[in-house]
C-alpha cells in the first residue's frame, strides 16, 4: 500500500516537472514567431514608401513633359520681357503691363518649380534659341517702337499660352500639373485682355 502511494506521488511529481520544463520553450517560440513578422512587415512598408517618387516620375506623359518645358521657358521670357518694359517702355500703360507680367509670372514660375521638385522633374533653366532671339530683338528697341513690339508679342504669346494651358488642363495625365494649368489659366486670360488694351493704346 505504501509502495502504491509512493509510486502515484512520483508519477504526479514527474508529470508536473515535465509540464514546467515544456513551458519556457513554448513561450520563447511564441515570442520569436511574433517578432519576426512584425520586423519583416515594417521593412516591406518602408521599401514601398521609398519607391513612390520613382512611380511619379514615370507617370508623366509626353503631353505633361512638353507642357511643363514650354511653360517654364515661356514664363522665364515673360518675366525678362516684363522687366524690359518697366525700364524701356514709353507709355505708362505698357510699363504697368510689364510690372503685372513680372509679378504674376514669377509667382507661376515658382509654383511650377515646386511641382517639378515634388515630382523629380528637371525643368529647362534657360530660354531656347527662338525665345532668346525674341528677347534680344525687343531689348534693342526703345520708346514707341518698344511699346508696339512688346504689346504685339504679349498678345500673340498669351494667345498661345491660353491654348496650351487649356490643353494641359483637359488632356494632361499628372493630376497636380493639370491643377496648376487650370489654376493659372484665368490669370493668362486676364493678361491677354490687358495686352490687347495696351496694344490699342499704343497704335
N, C-alpha and C. Protein backbone atom coordinates (compact mmCIF):
# COMPACT_ATOMS: atom_id res chain seq x y z
N UNK A 1 0.84 -1.20 0.00
CA UNK A 1 0.00 0.00 0.00
C UNK A 1 0.87 1.24 0.00
N UNK A 2 1.95 1.23 0.85
CA UNK A 2 2.85 2.37 0.90
C UNK A 2 3.53 2.55 -0.44
N UNK A 3 3.94 1.40 -1.02
CA UNK A 3 4.62 1.47 -2.33
C UNK A 3 3.72 2.09 -3.40
N UNK A 4 2.43 1.77 -3.38
CA UNK A 4 1.48 2.31 -4.35
C UNK A 4 1.35 3.81 -4.20
N UNK A 5 1.27 4.30 -2.99
CA UNK A 5 1.16 5.74 -2.74
C UNK A 5 2.40 6.46 -3.22
N UNK A 6 3.57 5.87 -2.91
CA UNK A 6 4.85 6.48 -3.34
C UNK A 6 4.91 6.54 -4.85
N UNK A 7 4.49 5.48 -5.51
CA UNK A 7 4.53 5.43 -6.99
C UNK A 7 3.63 6.50 -7.59
N UNK A 8 2.41 6.63 -7.09
CA UNK A 8 1.46 7.65 -7.59
C UNK A 8 2.04 9.03 -7.40
N UNK A 9 2.65 9.25 -6.22
CA UNK A 9 3.23 10.56 -5.92
C UNK A 9 4.38 10.87 -6.88
N UNK A 10 5.21 9.85 -7.13
CA UNK A 10 6.36 10.03 -8.03
C UNK A 10 5.90 10.34 -9.44
N UNK A 11 4.89 9.64 -9.92
CA UNK A 11 4.34 9.88 -11.27
C UNK A 11 3.78 11.29 -11.37
N UNK A 12 3.06 11.68 -10.33
CA UNK A 12 2.48 13.03 -10.33
C UNK A 12 3.57 14.09 -10.35
N UNK A 13 4.63 13.83 -9.55
CA UNK A 13 5.73 14.80 -9.48
C UNK A 13 6.44 14.90 -10.83
N UNK A 14 6.69 13.77 -11.47
CA UNK A 14 7.36 13.76 -12.79
C UNK A 14 6.53 14.48 -13.84
N UNK A 15 5.23 14.24 -13.81
CA UNK A 15 4.32 14.89 -14.77
C UNK A 15 4.37 16.40 -14.61
N UNK A 16 4.36 16.86 -13.38
CA UNK A 16 4.42 18.30 -13.08
C UNK A 16 5.72 18.89 -13.58
N UNK A 17 6.81 18.18 -13.36
CA UNK A 17 8.13 18.66 -13.81
C UNK A 17 8.19 18.78 -15.31
N UNK A 18 7.65 17.74 -15.99
CA UNK A 18 7.66 17.77 -17.45
C UNK A 18 6.89 18.97 -17.99
N UNK A 19 5.76 19.27 -17.36
CA UNK A 19 4.95 20.43 -17.79
C UNK A 19 5.74 21.72 -17.63
N UNK A 20 6.39 21.85 -16.50
CA UNK A 20 7.19 23.06 -16.23
C UNK A 20 8.33 23.18 -17.22
N UNK A 21 8.94 22.02 -17.54
CA UNK A 21 10.07 22.03 -18.49
C UNK A 21 9.62 22.47 -19.88
N UNK A 22 8.40 22.10 -20.26
CA UNK A 22 7.91 22.41 -21.61
C UNK A 22 7.48 23.86 -21.76
N UNK A 23 7.12 24.52 -20.66
CA UNK A 23 6.54 25.86 -20.74
C UNK A 23 7.49 26.90 -21.32
N UNK A 24 8.75 27.00 -20.83
CA UNK A 24 9.63 28.06 -21.35
C UNK A 24 9.87 27.98 -22.85
N UNK A 25 10.18 26.77 -23.42
CA UNK A 25 10.39 26.74 -24.87
C UNK A 25 9.15 27.19 -25.63
N UNK A 26 7.97 26.83 -25.16
CA UNK A 26 6.74 27.21 -25.85
C UNK A 26 6.61 28.73 -25.87
N UNK A 27 6.94 29.37 -24.75
CA UNK A 27 6.82 30.83 -24.68
C UNK A 27 7.82 31.51 -25.62
N UNK A 28 9.07 30.98 -25.59
CA UNK A 28 10.09 31.60 -26.43
C UNK A 28 9.75 31.41 -27.91
N UNK A 29 9.16 30.27 -28.24
CA UNK A 29 8.78 30.04 -29.64
C UNK A 29 7.72 31.03 -30.07
N UNK A 30 6.76 31.27 -29.17
CA UNK A 30 5.70 32.23 -29.49
C UNK A 30 6.26 33.63 -29.70
N UNK A 31 7.15 34.06 -28.77
CA UNK A 31 7.69 35.41 -28.85
C UNK A 31 8.53 35.57 -30.12
N UNK A 32 9.26 34.51 -30.49
CA UNK A 32 10.07 34.56 -31.71
C UNK A 32 9.16 34.67 -32.93
N UNK A 33 8.12 33.87 -32.93
CA UNK A 33 7.20 33.89 -34.07
C UNK A 33 6.51 35.24 -34.20
N UNK A 34 6.23 35.90 -33.07
CA UNK A 34 5.52 37.18 -33.12
C UNK A 34 6.43 38.30 -33.58
N UNK A 35 7.71 38.24 -33.20
CA UNK A 35 8.60 39.36 -33.51
C UNK A 35 9.03 39.34 -34.98
N UNK A 36 9.21 38.17 -35.56
CA UNK A 36 9.72 38.09 -36.92
C UNK A 36 8.80 38.74 -37.96
N UNK A 37 7.50 38.38 -38.00
CA UNK A 37 6.62 39.02 -38.99
C UNK A 37 6.53 40.52 -38.80
N UNK A 38 6.59 40.97 -37.55
CA UNK A 38 6.49 42.41 -37.29
C UNK A 38 7.68 43.13 -37.92
N UNK A 39 8.88 42.54 -37.75
CA UNK A 39 10.07 43.17 -38.31
C UNK A 39 10.02 43.18 -39.83
N UNK A 40 9.70 42.03 -40.42
CA UNK A 40 9.68 41.95 -41.88
C UNK A 40 8.55 42.82 -42.45
N UNK A 41 7.46 42.92 -41.73
CA UNK A 41 6.34 43.75 -42.19
C UNK A 41 6.73 45.21 -42.30
N UNK A 42 7.50 45.69 -41.32
CA UNK A 42 7.93 47.09 -41.33
C UNK A 42 8.88 47.36 -42.48
N UNK A 43 9.72 46.40 -42.78
CA UNK A 43 10.69 46.56 -43.87
C UNK A 43 9.96 46.69 -45.21
N UNK A 44 8.95 45.85 -45.40
CA UNK A 44 8.19 45.88 -46.65
C UNK A 44 7.50 47.23 -46.84
N UNK A 45 6.86 47.74 -45.78
CA UNK A 45 6.14 49.01 -45.90
C UNK A 45 7.10 50.17 -46.15
N UNK A 46 8.29 50.13 -45.50
CA UNK A 46 9.26 51.19 -45.70
C UNK A 46 9.75 51.22 -47.14
N UNK A 47 10.04 50.05 -47.70
CA UNK A 47 10.57 50.00 -49.06
C UNK A 47 9.52 50.46 -50.07
N UNK A 48 8.24 50.20 -49.80
CA UNK A 48 7.19 50.63 -50.73
C UNK A 48 7.04 52.15 -50.71
N UNK A 49 7.25 52.76 -49.54
CA UNK A 49 7.18 54.22 -49.45
C UNK A 49 8.31 54.87 -50.24
N UNK A 50 9.48 54.27 -50.18
CA UNK A 50 10.65 54.82 -50.87
C UNK A 50 10.45 54.80 -52.39
N UNK A 51 9.71 53.82 -52.89
CA UNK A 51 9.57 53.68 -54.34
C UNK A 51 8.52 54.62 -54.94
N UNK A 52 7.73 55.29 -54.11
CA UNK A 52 6.68 56.17 -54.62
C UNK A 52 7.18 57.26 -55.56
N UNK A 53 8.24 58.03 -55.20
CA UNK A 53 8.71 59.08 -56.11
C UNK A 53 9.08 58.55 -57.48
N UNK A 54 9.64 57.33 -57.54
CA UNK A 54 10.00 56.74 -58.84
C UNK A 54 8.75 56.52 -59.67
N UNK A 55 7.68 56.06 -59.02
CA UNK A 55 6.42 55.85 -59.73
C UNK A 55 5.89 57.15 -60.30
N UNK A 56 6.06 58.25 -59.55
CA UNK A 56 5.57 59.55 -60.01
C UNK A 56 6.34 60.02 -61.25
N UNK A 57 7.65 59.75 -61.29
CA UNK A 57 8.46 60.17 -62.42
C UNK A 57 7.96 59.53 -63.71
N UNK A 58 7.68 58.23 -63.64
CA UNK A 58 7.26 57.51 -64.83
C UNK A 58 5.80 57.82 -65.19
N UNK A 59 5.06 58.45 -64.30
CA UNK A 59 3.65 58.74 -64.55
C UNK A 59 3.46 59.93 -65.51
N UNK A 60 4.52 60.69 -65.78
CA UNK A 60 4.41 61.85 -66.65
C UNK A 60 4.30 61.42 -68.11
N UNK A 61 3.28 61.92 -68.78
CA UNK A 61 3.12 61.62 -70.21
C UNK A 61 3.95 62.60 -71.04
N UNK A 62 4.05 62.34 -72.34
CA UNK A 62 4.75 63.27 -73.25
C UNK A 62 4.07 64.63 -73.23
N UNK A 63 2.75 64.63 -73.13
CA UNK A 63 1.99 65.88 -73.06
C UNK A 63 2.39 66.69 -71.83
N UNK A 64 2.51 66.00 -70.68
CA UNK A 64 2.90 66.67 -69.43
C UNK A 64 4.29 67.29 -69.55
N UNK A 65 5.24 66.50 -70.06
CA UNK A 65 6.62 66.98 -70.19
C UNK A 65 6.72 68.16 -71.15
N UNK A 66 6.06 68.04 -72.29
CA UNK A 66 6.07 69.11 -73.30
C UNK A 66 5.48 70.40 -72.72
N UNK A 67 4.37 70.25 -71.99
CA UNK A 67 3.72 71.41 -71.39
C UNK A 67 4.60 72.05 -70.33
N UNK A 68 5.16 71.23 -69.44
CA UNK A 68 5.99 71.74 -68.35
C UNK A 68 7.20 72.50 -68.89
N UNK A 69 7.85 71.94 -69.91
CA UNK A 69 9.02 72.59 -70.50
C UNK A 69 8.65 73.93 -71.14
N UNK A 70 7.56 73.93 -71.91
CA UNK A 70 7.11 75.15 -72.59
C UNK A 70 6.67 76.22 -71.59
N UNK A 71 5.98 75.79 -70.54
CA UNK A 71 5.52 76.74 -69.52
C UNK A 71 6.70 77.36 -68.78
N UNK A 72 7.74 76.56 -68.52
CA UNK A 72 8.92 77.06 -67.82
C UNK A 72 9.66 78.10 -68.66
N UNK A 73 9.88 77.77 -69.93
CA UNK A 73 10.61 78.68 -70.83
C UNK A 73 9.78 79.94 -71.09
N UNK A 74 8.48 79.75 -71.36
CA UNK A 74 7.60 80.89 -71.61
C UNK A 74 7.49 81.82 -70.41
N UNK A 75 7.41 81.21 -69.23
CA UNK A 75 7.33 82.00 -68.01
C UNK A 75 8.58 82.83 -67.76
N UNK A 76 9.74 82.22 -68.03
CA UNK A 76 11.00 82.95 -67.89
C UNK A 76 11.04 84.16 -68.84
N UNK A 77 10.62 83.92 -70.08
CA UNK A 77 10.64 85.00 -71.07
C UNK A 77 9.69 86.14 -70.68
N UNK A 78 8.52 85.80 -70.15
CA UNK A 78 7.55 86.82 -69.73
C UNK A 78 8.14 87.73 -68.65
N UNK A 79 8.85 87.12 -67.70
CA UNK A 79 9.46 87.91 -66.62
C UNK A 79 10.57 88.80 -67.16
N UNK A 80 11.43 88.24 -68.01
CA UNK A 80 12.53 89.02 -68.59
C UNK A 80 12.04 90.18 -69.43
N UNK A 81 11.03 89.91 -70.27
CA UNK A 81 10.48 90.97 -71.11
C UNK A 81 9.72 92.00 -70.28
N UNK A 82 9.04 91.54 -69.23
CA UNK A 82 8.32 92.46 -68.35
C UNK A 82 9.26 93.45 -67.68
N UNK A 83 10.45 92.96 -67.29
CA UNK A 83 11.45 93.85 -66.68
C UNK A 83 11.96 94.88 -67.69
N UNK A 84 12.09 94.44 -68.94
CA UNK A 84 12.47 95.39 -70.00
C UNK A 84 11.42 96.47 -70.15
N UNK A 85 10.14 96.06 -70.12
CA UNK A 85 9.04 97.01 -70.28
C UNK A 85 9.03 98.05 -69.16
N UNK A 86 9.38 97.61 -67.96
CA UNK A 86 9.39 98.54 -66.82
C UNK A 86 10.41 99.66 -67.03
N UNK A 87 11.47 99.38 -67.76
CA UNK A 87 12.53 100.38 -67.96
C UNK A 87 12.52 101.01 -69.36
N UNK A 88 12.17 100.24 -70.38
CA UNK A 88 12.30 100.72 -71.77
C UNK A 88 11.02 101.30 -72.36
N UNK A 89 9.86 100.96 -71.77
CA UNK A 89 8.59 101.43 -72.35
C UNK A 89 8.41 102.93 -72.17
N UNK A 90 7.71 103.53 -73.13
CA UNK A 90 7.42 104.96 -73.06
C UNK A 90 6.04 105.21 -72.47
N UNK A 91 5.09 104.37 -72.87
CA UNK A 91 3.70 104.51 -72.43
C UNK A 91 3.52 103.92 -71.03
N UNK A 92 2.81 104.66 -70.15
CA UNK A 92 2.59 104.22 -68.77
C UNK A 92 1.79 102.91 -68.71
N UNK A 93 0.87 102.73 -69.67
CA UNK A 93 0.06 101.51 -69.72
C UNK A 93 0.96 100.29 -69.99
N UNK A 94 1.95 100.49 -70.86
CA UNK A 94 2.87 99.40 -71.21
C UNK A 94 3.79 99.08 -70.03
N UNK A 95 4.24 100.12 -69.34
CA UNK A 95 5.07 99.91 -68.14
C UNK A 95 4.29 99.11 -67.09
N UNK A 96 3.04 99.48 -66.91
CA UNK A 96 2.18 98.80 -65.95
C UNK A 96 1.95 97.34 -66.34
N UNK A 97 1.78 97.11 -67.65
CA UNK A 97 1.62 95.74 -68.15
C UNK A 97 2.86 94.92 -67.84
N UNK A 98 4.03 95.52 -68.04
CA UNK A 98 5.28 94.83 -67.74
C UNK A 98 5.39 94.43 -66.27
N UNK A 99 5.00 95.35 -65.40
CA UNK A 99 5.05 95.08 -63.95
C UNK A 99 4.13 93.91 -63.59
N UNK A 100 2.94 93.90 -64.18
CA UNK A 100 1.99 92.81 -63.92
C UNK A 100 2.56 91.47 -64.39
N UNK A 101 3.20 91.48 -65.55
CA UNK A 101 3.79 90.24 -66.08
C UNK A 101 4.88 89.71 -65.15
N UNK A 102 5.74 90.61 -64.67
CA UNK A 102 6.82 90.19 -63.77
C UNK A 102 6.25 89.56 -62.50
N UNK A 103 5.27 90.23 -61.90
CA UNK A 103 4.68 89.75 -60.64
C UNK A 103 3.98 88.41 -60.82
N UNK A 104 3.07 88.34 -61.79
CA UNK A 104 2.24 87.14 -61.96
C UNK A 104 3.03 85.94 -62.48
N UNK A 105 3.93 86.19 -63.42
CA UNK A 105 4.69 85.06 -63.99
C UNK A 105 5.78 84.58 -63.04
N UNK A 106 6.31 85.45 -62.20
CA UNK A 106 7.26 84.99 -61.17
C UNK A 106 6.56 84.03 -60.22
N UNK A 107 5.34 84.38 -59.84
CA UNK A 107 4.56 83.51 -58.95
C UNK A 107 4.26 82.17 -59.62
N UNK A 108 3.84 82.22 -60.87
CA UNK A 108 3.52 80.97 -61.60
C UNK A 108 4.78 80.13 -61.79
N UNK A 109 5.90 80.79 -62.10
CA UNK A 109 7.16 80.06 -62.27
C UNK A 109 7.57 79.34 -61.00
N UNK A 110 7.39 80.01 -59.86
CA UNK A 110 7.74 79.40 -58.56
C UNK A 110 6.85 78.19 -58.27
N UNK A 111 5.58 78.28 -58.63
CA UNK A 111 4.66 77.15 -58.43
C UNK A 111 5.06 75.97 -59.31
N UNK A 112 5.46 76.27 -60.54
CA UNK A 112 5.88 75.22 -61.46
C UNK A 112 7.17 74.55 -60.97
N UNK A 113 8.08 75.35 -60.44
CA UNK A 113 9.33 74.80 -59.87
C UNK A 113 9.03 73.90 -58.68
N UNK A 114 8.09 74.29 -57.85
CA UNK A 114 7.70 73.47 -56.69
C UNK A 114 7.13 72.13 -57.16
N UNK A 115 6.30 72.18 -58.21
CA UNK A 115 5.74 70.95 -58.77
C UNK A 115 6.86 70.05 -59.28
N UNK A 116 7.81 70.64 -60.02
CA UNK A 116 8.91 69.86 -60.59
C UNK A 116 9.74 69.20 -59.50
N UNK A 117 10.01 69.95 -58.42
CA UNK A 117 10.79 69.42 -57.31
C UNK A 117 10.08 68.24 -56.65
N UNK A 118 8.78 68.38 -56.46
CA UNK A 118 7.99 67.32 -55.81
C UNK A 118 7.91 66.06 -56.67
N UNK A 119 8.01 66.23 -57.99
CA UNK A 119 7.85 65.09 -58.91
C UNK A 119 9.17 64.61 -59.51
N UNK A 120 10.28 65.18 -59.04
CA UNK A 120 11.58 64.75 -59.53
C UNK A 120 11.80 65.05 -61.00
N UNK A 121 11.21 66.15 -61.48
CA UNK A 121 11.34 66.51 -62.90
C UNK A 121 12.24 67.73 -63.06
N UNK A 122 13.12 67.71 -64.05
CA UNK A 122 14.05 68.81 -64.29
C UNK A 122 13.53 69.73 -65.39
N UNK A 123 13.25 70.97 -65.03
CA UNK A 123 12.76 71.97 -65.99
C UNK A 123 13.93 72.64 -66.71
N UNK A 124 13.69 73.19 -67.91
CA UNK A 124 14.74 73.96 -68.59
C UNK A 124 15.17 75.15 -67.73
N UNK A 125 16.45 75.46 -67.74
CA UNK A 125 16.98 76.53 -66.88
C UNK A 125 17.23 77.83 -67.65
N UNK A 126 17.04 77.79 -68.97
CA UNK A 126 17.27 79.00 -69.77
C UNK A 126 16.36 79.01 -70.99
N UNK A 127 16.32 80.15 -71.68
CA UNK A 127 15.47 80.29 -72.87
C UNK A 127 16.02 79.42 -74.01
N UNK A 128 15.11 78.96 -74.86
CA UNK A 128 15.57 78.27 -76.07
C UNK A 128 16.00 79.34 -77.09
N UNK A 129 16.58 78.92 -78.20
CA UNK A 129 17.15 79.84 -79.19
C UNK A 129 16.10 80.81 -79.75
N UNK A 130 14.91 80.30 -80.01
CA UNK A 130 13.84 81.13 -80.59
C UNK A 130 13.44 82.26 -79.64
N UNK A 131 13.21 81.91 -78.39
CA UNK A 131 12.76 82.92 -77.42
C UNK A 131 13.89 83.87 -77.02
N UNK A 132 15.11 83.37 -77.04
CA UNK A 132 16.25 84.25 -76.75
C UNK A 132 16.37 85.33 -77.82
N UNK A 133 16.14 84.95 -79.09
CA UNK A 133 16.19 85.93 -80.20
C UNK A 133 15.07 86.96 -80.06
N UNK A 134 13.88 86.50 -79.67
CA UNK A 134 12.75 87.42 -79.45
C UNK A 134 13.10 88.44 -78.36
N UNK A 135 13.72 87.95 -77.30
CA UNK A 135 14.11 88.83 -76.20
C UNK A 135 15.18 89.83 -76.65
N UNK A 136 16.18 89.34 -77.38
CA UNK A 136 17.27 90.21 -77.84
C UNK A 136 16.77 91.28 -78.79
N UNK A 137 15.85 90.91 -79.68
CA UNK A 137 15.27 91.88 -80.62
C UNK A 137 14.50 92.96 -79.88
N UNK A 138 13.73 92.56 -78.88
CA UNK A 138 12.94 93.51 -78.10
C UNK A 138 13.86 94.44 -77.29
N UNK A 139 14.92 93.89 -76.76
CA UNK A 139 15.85 94.65 -75.93
C UNK A 139 16.50 95.80 -76.71
N UNK A 140 16.63 95.63 -78.01
CA UNK A 140 17.28 96.64 -78.85
C UNK A 140 16.37 97.83 -79.16
N UNK A 141 15.08 97.71 -78.85
CA UNK A 141 14.12 98.78 -79.17
C UNK A 141 13.89 99.71 -77.98
N UNK A 142 13.50 100.94 -78.29
CA UNK A 142 13.22 101.96 -77.26
C UNK A 142 11.95 102.72 -77.62
N UNK A 143 11.38 103.37 -76.60
CA UNK A 143 10.24 104.27 -76.82
C UNK A 143 9.04 103.62 -77.48
N UNK A 144 8.47 104.33 -78.48
CA UNK A 144 7.25 103.84 -79.14
C UNK A 144 7.48 102.53 -79.89
N UNK A 145 8.66 102.39 -80.49
CA UNK A 145 8.97 101.14 -81.19
C UNK A 145 8.94 99.96 -80.21
N UNK A 146 9.47 100.20 -79.02
CA UNK A 146 9.45 99.15 -77.99
C UNK A 146 8.01 98.84 -77.60
N UNK A 147 7.23 99.89 -77.35
CA UNK A 147 5.84 99.70 -76.89
C UNK A 147 5.04 98.84 -77.88
N UNK A 148 5.20 99.15 -79.18
CA UNK A 148 4.45 98.41 -80.21
C UNK A 148 4.91 96.95 -80.27
N UNK A 149 6.21 96.77 -80.27
CA UNK A 149 6.76 95.41 -80.37
C UNK A 149 6.38 94.58 -79.14
N UNK A 150 6.50 95.18 -77.98
CA UNK A 150 6.21 94.45 -76.73
C UNK A 150 4.74 94.04 -76.65
N UNK A 151 3.84 94.97 -76.95
CA UNK A 151 2.41 94.64 -76.85
C UNK A 151 2.00 93.62 -77.91
N UNK A 152 2.61 93.69 -79.10
CA UNK A 152 2.35 92.68 -80.14
C UNK A 152 2.76 91.29 -79.63
N UNK A 153 3.95 91.23 -79.05
CA UNK A 153 4.46 89.96 -78.52
C UNK A 153 3.58 89.41 -77.40
N UNK A 154 3.13 90.30 -76.52
CA UNK A 154 2.32 89.87 -75.38
C UNK A 154 0.96 89.32 -75.83
N UNK A 155 0.38 89.93 -76.86
CA UNK A 155 -0.90 89.43 -77.38
C UNK A 155 -0.72 88.05 -78.02
N UNK A 156 0.25 87.93 -78.93
CA UNK A 156 0.45 86.66 -79.64
C UNK A 156 0.90 85.55 -78.67
N UNK A 157 1.80 85.90 -77.75
CA UNK A 157 2.32 84.91 -76.82
C UNK A 157 1.25 84.40 -75.86
N UNK A 158 0.39 85.29 -75.38
CA UNK A 158 -0.65 84.87 -74.43
C UNK A 158 -1.79 84.11 -75.11
N UNK A 159 -1.99 84.35 -76.40
CA UNK A 159 -2.96 83.52 -77.13
C UNK A 159 -2.46 82.06 -77.15
N UNK A 160 -1.17 81.91 -77.41
CA UNK A 160 -0.58 80.56 -77.40
C UNK A 160 -0.61 79.95 -76.00
N UNK A 161 -0.31 80.76 -75.00
CA UNK A 161 -0.30 80.28 -73.61
C UNK A 161 -1.67 79.76 -73.19
N UNK A 162 -2.70 80.53 -73.50
CA UNK A 162 -4.07 80.16 -73.11
C UNK A 162 -4.43 78.80 -73.72
N UNK A 163 -4.10 78.61 -75.00
CA UNK A 163 -4.40 77.34 -75.67
C UNK A 163 -3.63 76.18 -75.03
N UNK A 164 -2.35 76.42 -74.75
CA UNK A 164 -1.51 75.37 -74.16
C UNK A 164 -1.99 74.97 -72.77
N UNK A 165 -2.37 75.95 -71.97
CA UNK A 165 -2.83 75.66 -70.60
C UNK A 165 -4.20 74.99 -70.62
N UNK A 166 -5.05 75.37 -71.56
CA UNK A 166 -6.35 74.70 -71.70
C UNK A 166 -6.16 73.23 -72.07
N UNK A 167 -5.22 72.98 -72.98
CA UNK A 167 -4.96 71.60 -73.43
C UNK A 167 -4.45 70.74 -72.29
N UNK A 168 -3.53 71.28 -71.49
CA UNK A 168 -2.99 70.51 -70.36
C UNK A 168 -4.08 70.25 -69.31
N UNK A 169 -4.90 71.26 -69.05
CA UNK A 169 -5.97 71.10 -68.06
C UNK A 169 -6.95 70.00 -68.48
N UNK A 170 -7.14 69.84 -69.80
CA UNK A 170 -8.09 68.85 -70.32
C UNK A 170 -7.45 67.49 -70.58
N UNK A 171 -6.20 67.48 -71.07
CA UNK A 171 -5.61 66.24 -71.57
C UNK A 171 -4.40 65.74 -70.77
N UNK A 172 -3.93 66.51 -69.79
CA UNK A 172 -2.76 66.10 -69.02
C UNK A 172 -3.01 64.83 -68.22
N UNK A 173 -1.92 64.13 -67.87
CA UNK A 173 -2.04 62.87 -67.12
C UNK A 173 -1.75 63.05 -65.63
N UNK A 174 -0.84 63.96 -65.29
CA UNK A 174 -0.42 64.13 -63.90
C UNK A 174 -1.34 65.14 -63.20
N UNK A 175 -2.00 64.69 -62.14
CA UNK A 175 -3.08 65.47 -61.52
C UNK A 175 -2.64 66.85 -61.04
N UNK A 176 -1.49 66.94 -60.35
CA UNK A 176 -1.07 68.23 -59.79
C UNK A 176 -0.65 69.21 -60.88
N UNK A 177 -0.14 68.71 -62.01
CA UNK A 177 0.24 69.58 -63.14
C UNK A 177 -1.02 70.09 -63.85
N UNK A 178 -2.00 69.23 -63.97
CA UNK A 178 -3.30 69.64 -64.54
C UNK A 178 -3.93 70.73 -63.67
N UNK A 179 -3.81 70.56 -62.36
CA UNK A 179 -4.35 71.53 -61.42
C UNK A 179 -3.64 72.88 -61.57
N UNK A 180 -2.32 72.84 -61.74
CA UNK A 180 -1.54 74.07 -61.95
C UNK A 180 -2.02 74.79 -63.22
N UNK A 181 -2.25 74.03 -64.29
CA UNK A 181 -2.71 74.61 -65.56
C UNK A 181 -4.08 75.26 -65.39
N UNK A 182 -4.99 74.56 -64.73
CA UNK A 182 -6.34 75.10 -64.51
C UNK A 182 -6.33 76.36 -63.65
N UNK A 183 -5.49 76.32 -62.61
CA UNK A 183 -5.41 77.44 -61.67
C UNK A 183 -4.80 78.69 -62.32
N UNK A 184 -3.83 78.49 -63.22
CA UNK A 184 -3.11 79.60 -63.84
C UNK A 184 -3.86 80.19 -65.04
N UNK A 185 -4.73 79.40 -65.65
CA UNK A 185 -5.44 79.81 -66.87
C UNK A 185 -6.16 81.15 -66.75
N UNK A 186 -6.94 81.40 -65.70
CA UNK A 186 -7.64 82.70 -65.60
C UNK A 186 -6.68 83.90 -65.59
N UNK A 187 -5.51 83.74 -64.98
CA UNK A 187 -4.51 84.81 -64.96
C UNK A 187 -4.02 85.10 -66.37
N UNK A 188 -3.78 84.05 -67.15
CA UNK A 188 -3.30 84.21 -68.53
C UNK A 188 -4.38 84.86 -69.41
N UNK A 189 -5.61 84.49 -69.18
CA UNK A 189 -6.72 85.11 -69.95
C UNK A 189 -6.83 86.60 -69.62
N UNK A 190 -6.60 86.93 -68.35
CA UNK A 190 -6.59 88.34 -67.94
C UNK A 190 -5.41 89.07 -68.60
N UNK A 191 -4.25 88.43 -68.64
CA UNK A 191 -3.08 89.02 -69.29
C UNK A 191 -3.36 89.31 -70.77
N UNK A 192 -4.04 88.39 -71.42
CA UNK A 192 -4.35 88.58 -72.85
C UNK A 192 -5.23 89.81 -73.06
N UNK A 193 -6.24 89.95 -72.22
CA UNK A 193 -7.14 91.13 -72.33
C UNK A 193 -6.37 92.43 -72.08
N UNK A 194 -5.52 92.43 -71.06
CA UNK A 194 -4.74 93.65 -70.75
C UNK A 194 -3.72 93.95 -71.83
N UNK A 195 -3.17 92.90 -72.44
CA UNK A 195 -2.22 93.09 -73.54
C UNK A 195 -2.89 93.69 -74.75
N UNK A 196 -4.12 93.25 -75.03
CA UNK A 196 -4.89 93.80 -76.16
C UNK A 196 -5.22 95.27 -75.91
N UNK A 197 -5.57 95.61 -74.66
CA UNK A 197 -5.84 97.01 -74.32
C UNK A 197 -4.58 97.87 -74.51
N UNK A 198 -3.45 97.37 -74.06
CA UNK A 198 -2.20 98.10 -74.18
C UNK A 198 -1.81 98.26 -75.66
N UNK A 199 -2.05 97.22 -76.44
CA UNK A 199 -1.72 97.26 -77.89
C UNK A 199 -2.55 98.35 -78.56
N UNK A 200 -3.83 98.45 -78.20
CA UNK A 200 -4.70 99.50 -78.77
C UNK A 200 -4.26 100.90 -78.32
N UNK A 201 -3.71 100.98 -77.13
CA UNK A 201 -3.30 102.28 -76.57
C UNK A 201 -2.06 102.85 -77.24
N UNK A 202 -1.28 102.00 -77.87
CA UNK A 202 -0.01 102.47 -78.48
C UNK A 202 -0.06 102.47 -80.01
N UNK A 203 -1.23 102.31 -80.59
CA UNK A 203 -1.36 102.30 -82.05
C UNK A 203 -1.01 103.68 -82.61
